C-alpha atoms as a PDB file:
ATOM      1  CA  MET A   1      -0.004   0.084   0.110  1.00  0.00           C
ATOM      2  CA  HIS A   2       1.335   3.378  -0.881  1.00  0.00           C
ATOM      3  CA  ILE A   3       0.759   6.184   1.712  1.00  0.00           C
ATOM      4  CA  GLN A   4       1.295   9.811   1.066  1.00  0.00           C
ATOM      5  CA  GLU A   5       4.323  11.721   2.194  1.00  0.00           C
ATOM      6  CA  SER A   6       2.543  13.345   4.990  1.00  0.00           C
ATOM      7  CA  GLY A   7       1.280  10.029   6.148  1.00  0.00           C
ATOM      8  CA  GLU A   8       4.845   8.824   6.213  1.00  0.00           C
ATOM      9  CA  MET A   9       5.831  11.660   8.264  1.00  0.00           C
ATOM     10  CA  TYR A  10       3.205  11.172  10.797  1.00  0.00           C
ATOM     11  CA  LEU A  11       4.039   7.432  11.053  1.00  0.00           C
ATOM     12  CA  GLU A  12       7.741   8.354  11.537  1.00  0.00           C
ATOM     13  CA  THR A  13       6.926  10.864  14.253  1.00  0.00           C
ATOM     14  CA  ILE A  14       4.730   8.482  16.143  1.00  0.00           C
ATOM     15  CA  TYR A  15       7.335   5.736  15.924  1.00  0.00           C
ATOM     16  CA  LEU A  16      10.113   8.222  17.295  1.00  0.00           C
ATOM     17  CA  LEU A  17       7.834   9.496  19.999  1.00  0.00           C
ATOM     18  CA  SER A  18       6.925   5.846  21.092  1.00  0.00           C
ATOM     19  CA  LYS A  19      10.622   5.150  21.371  1.00  0.00           C
ATOM     20  CA  GLU A  20      10.884   8.017  23.880  1.00  0.00           C
ATOM     21  CA  ARG A  21       7.825   7.511  25.962  1.00  0.00           C
ATOM     22  CA  THR A  22       5.315   4.760  26.897  1.00  0.00           C
ATOM     23  CA  HIS A  23       2.229   6.503  25.521  1.00  0.00           C
ATOM     24  CA  VAL A  24       1.818   8.680  22.434  1.00  0.00           C
ATOM     25  CA  ARG A  25      -1.096  11.030  22.309  1.00  0.00           C
ATOM     26  CA  ALA A  26      -2.321  13.118  19.345  1.00  0.00           C
ATOM     27  CA  VAL A  27      -1.366  16.343  21.129  1.00  0.00           C
ATOM     28  CA  ASP A  28       2.162  14.992  21.482  1.00  0.00           C
ATOM     29  CA  VAL A  29       2.423  14.507  17.631  1.00  0.00           C
ATOM     30  CA  SER A  30       0.996  17.899  17.276  1.00  0.00           C
ATOM     31  CA  GLU A  31       3.423  19.554  19.397  1.00  0.00           C
ATOM     32  CA  HIS A  32       6.402  17.735  17.971  1.00  0.00           C
ATOM     33  CA  MET A  33       5.503  18.551  14.319  1.00  0.00           C
ATOM     34  CA  GLY A  34       4.172  21.904  14.880  1.00  0.00           C
ATOM     35  CA  PHE A  35       0.874  21.073  13.315  1.00  0.00           C
ATOM     36  CA  SER A  36      -2.637  22.020  14.524  1.00  0.00           C
ATOM     37  CA  LYS A  37      -4.541  19.545  16.474  1.00  0.00           C
ATOM     38  CA  PRO A  38      -7.334  19.254  13.657  1.00  0.00           C
ATOM     39  CA  SER A  39      -4.718  18.434  11.143  1.00  0.00           C
ATOM     40  CA  VAL A  40      -3.304  15.625  13.369  1.00  0.00           C
ATOM     41  CA  SER A  41      -6.709  14.450  14.096  1.00  0.00           C
ATOM     42  CA  ARG A  42      -7.446  14.069  10.299  1.00  0.00           C
ATOM     43  CA  ALA A  43      -4.168  12.391   9.632  1.00  0.00           C
ATOM     44  CA  VAL A  44      -4.752   9.818  12.578  1.00  0.00           C
ATOM     45  CA  GLY A  45      -8.270   9.142  11.147  1.00  0.00           C
ATOM     46  CA  LEU A  46      -6.550   8.492   7.662  1.00  0.00           C
ATOM     47  CA  LEU A  47      -3.985   6.245   9.218  1.00  0.00           C
ATOM     48  CA  LYS A  48      -6.608   4.362  11.060  1.00  0.00           C
ATOM     49  CA  ASP A  49      -8.650   3.820   8.028  1.00  0.00           C
ATOM     50  CA  ALA A  50      -5.514   2.561   6.290  1.00  0.00           C
ATOM     51  CA  GLY A  51      -4.961  -0.025   9.136  1.00  0.00           C
ATOM     52  CA  LEU A  52      -1.612   1.497  10.286  1.00  0.00           C
ATOM     53  CA  LEU A  53      -2.723   3.041  13.449  1.00  0.00           C
ATOM     54  CA  GLU A  54      -5.170   2.278  16.313  1.00  0.00           C
ATOM     55  CA  LEU A  55      -6.388   4.162  19.407  1.00  0.00           C
ATOM     56  CA  ASP A  56      -6.404   2.271  22.625  1.00  0.00           C
ATOM     57  CA  PRO A  57      -9.276   2.625  25.101  1.00  0.00           C
ATOM     58  CA  ASN A  58      -7.322   5.611  26.654  1.00  0.00           C
ATOM     59  CA  GLY A  59      -6.945   7.452  23.345  1.00  0.00           C
ATOM     60  CA  PHE A  60      -3.228   6.704  23.065  1.00  0.00           C
ATOM     61  CA  LEU A  61      -1.811   6.190  19.485  1.00  0.00           C
ATOM     62  CA  CYS A  62      -0.626   2.652  18.657  1.00  0.00           C
ATOM     63  CA  LEU A  63       0.939   1.610  15.518  1.00  0.00           C
ATOM     64  CA  THR A  64      -0.622  -1.660  14.177  1.00  0.00           C
ATOM     65  CA  PRO A  65       2.056  -4.312  13.235  1.00  0.00           C
ATOM     66  CA  ASN A  66       1.742  -3.049   9.601  1.00  0.00           C
ATOM     67  CA  GLY A  67       2.107   0.521  10.687  1.00  0.00           C
ATOM     68  CA  LEU A  68       5.091  -0.257  12.894  1.00  0.00           C
ATOM     69  CA  ASP A  69       6.785  -2.168  10.044  1.00  0.00           C
ATOM     70  CA  THR A  70       6.085   0.910   7.644  1.00  0.00           C
ATOM     71  CA  ALA A  71       7.337   3.358  10.187  1.00  0.00           C
ATOM     72  CA  LYS A  72      10.582   1.433  10.819  1.00  0.00           C
ATOM     73  CA  LYS A  73      11.261   1.409   7.027  1.00  0.00           C
ATOM     74  CA  ILE A  74      10.595   5.089   6.718  1.00  0.00           C
ATOM     75  CA  TYR A  75      12.921   5.848   9.684  1.00  0.00           C
ATOM     76  CA  GLU A  76      15.624   3.515   8.245  1.00  0.00           C
ATOM     77  CA  ARG A  77      15.410   5.337   5.054  1.00  0.00           C
ATOM     78  CA  HIS A  78      16.014   8.651   6.917  1.00  0.00           C
ATOM     79  CA  THR A  79      18.854   7.271   8.982  1.00  0.00           C
ATOM     80  CA  ILE A  80      20.737   5.787   5.870  1.00  0.00           C
ATOM     81  CA  LEU A  81      20.321   8.864   3.856  1.00  0.00           C
ATOM     82  CA  THR A  82      21.370  11.210   6.861  1.00  0.00           C
ATOM     83  CA  SER A  83      24.446   9.043   7.255  1.00  0.00           C
ATOM     84  CA  PHE A  84      25.247   9.042   3.584  1.00  0.00           C
ATOM     85  CA  LEU A  85      24.920  12.930   3.306  1.00  0.00           C
ATOM     86  CA  ILE A  86      27.177  13.349   6.439  1.00  0.00           C
ATOM     87  CA  SER A  87      29.734  10.893   4.919  1.00  0.00           C
ATOM     88  CA  ILE A  88      30.088  13.275   1.857  1.00  0.00           C
ATOM     89  CA  GLY A  89      30.508  16.319   3.964  1.00  0.00           C
ATOM     90  CA  VAL A  90      27.186  17.845   4.550  1.00  0.00           C
ATOM     91  CA  ASP A  91      26.493  19.424   7.871  1.00  0.00           C
ATOM     92  CA  GLU A  92      24.749  17.112  10.240  1.00  0.00           C
ATOM     93  CA  LYS A  93      21.613  19.485  10.702  1.00  0.00           C
ATOM     94  CA  ILE A  94      21.319  20.040   6.926  1.00  0.00           C
ATOM     95  CA  ALA A  95      21.796  16.347   6.185  1.00  0.00           C
ATOM     96  CA  ALA A  96      19.159  15.411   8.624  1.00  0.00           C
ATOM     97  CA  ASP A  97      16.702  17.954   6.996  1.00  0.00           C
ATOM     98  CA  ASP A  98      17.472  16.887   3.443  1.00  0.00           C
ATOM     99  CA  ALA A  99      17.228  13.336   4.173  1.00  0.00           C
ATOM    100  CA  CYS A 100      13.616  14.110   5.490  1.00  0.00           C
ATOM    101  CA  LYS A 101      12.789  15.445   2.030  1.00  0.00           C
ATOM    102  CA  ILE A 102      14.647  12.842   0.095  1.00  0.00           C
ATOM    103  CA  GLU A 103      13.391   9.774   1.926  1.00  0.00           C
ATOM    104  CA  HIS A 104       9.819  10.106   0.528  1.00  0.00           C
ATOM    105  CA  HIS A 105      10.875  10.045  -3.055  1.00  0.00           C
ATOM    106  CA  ILE A 106      14.041   7.994  -3.426  1.00  0.00           C
ATOM    107  CA  SER A 107      13.683   4.514  -5.157  1.00  0.00           C
ATOM    108  CA  ASP A 108      14.347   1.309  -3.331  1.00  0.00           C
ATOM    109  CA  ASP A 109      17.293   0.537  -5.966  1.00  0.00           C
ATOM    110  CA  THR A 110      18.965   3.943  -5.050  1.00  0.00           C
ATOM    111  CA  LEU A 111      18.509   3.459  -1.463  1.00  0.00           C
ATOM    112  CA  SER A 112      19.858  -0.068  -1.617  1.00  0.00           C
ATOM    113  CA  ALA A 113      22.896   1.244  -3.476  1.00  0.00           C
ATOM    114  CA  ILE A 114      23.552   3.933  -0.982  1.00  0.00           C
ATOM    115  CA  LYS A 115      23.233   1.442   1.777  1.00  0.00           C
ATOM    116  CA  ASN A 116      25.719  -0.840   0.081  1.00  0.00           C
ATOM    117  CA  TYR A 117      28.052   1.985  -0.408  1.00  0.00           C
ATOM    118  CA  LEU A 118      27.963   2.846   3.266  1.00  0.00           C
ATOM    119  CA  ASP A 119      28.575  -0.853   4.310  1.00  0.00           C
ATOM    120  CA  ARG A 120      31.674  -0.829   2.195  1.00  0.00           C
ATOM    121  CA  ASN A 121      33.135   2.310   3.610  1.00  0.00           C
END
């Protein structure tokens, strides 16, 4: 299933927040991303409809197994691209920002080649 770039950003954010804390709320996502609560609420609804996210009985956001797998892949793309950009001399902050932009559009073949390059060096 293909999700839009914004959906990928929400999944990645929920994944990262869940690594930092026990429970993730929509307001946490809103604050972290700097988006309005209604925007986050709409995205949460879309991700729920796609089977990538659930709300527990207390209203906490929980990635489904498919959502977790997708989020991990997105985050891996981000970390590989950031590492690659840093390895060629890009400032760490700029590399992280640029990786965030590239990760949603790069092909699997190109990402695999970058990963292989990093593994060799």
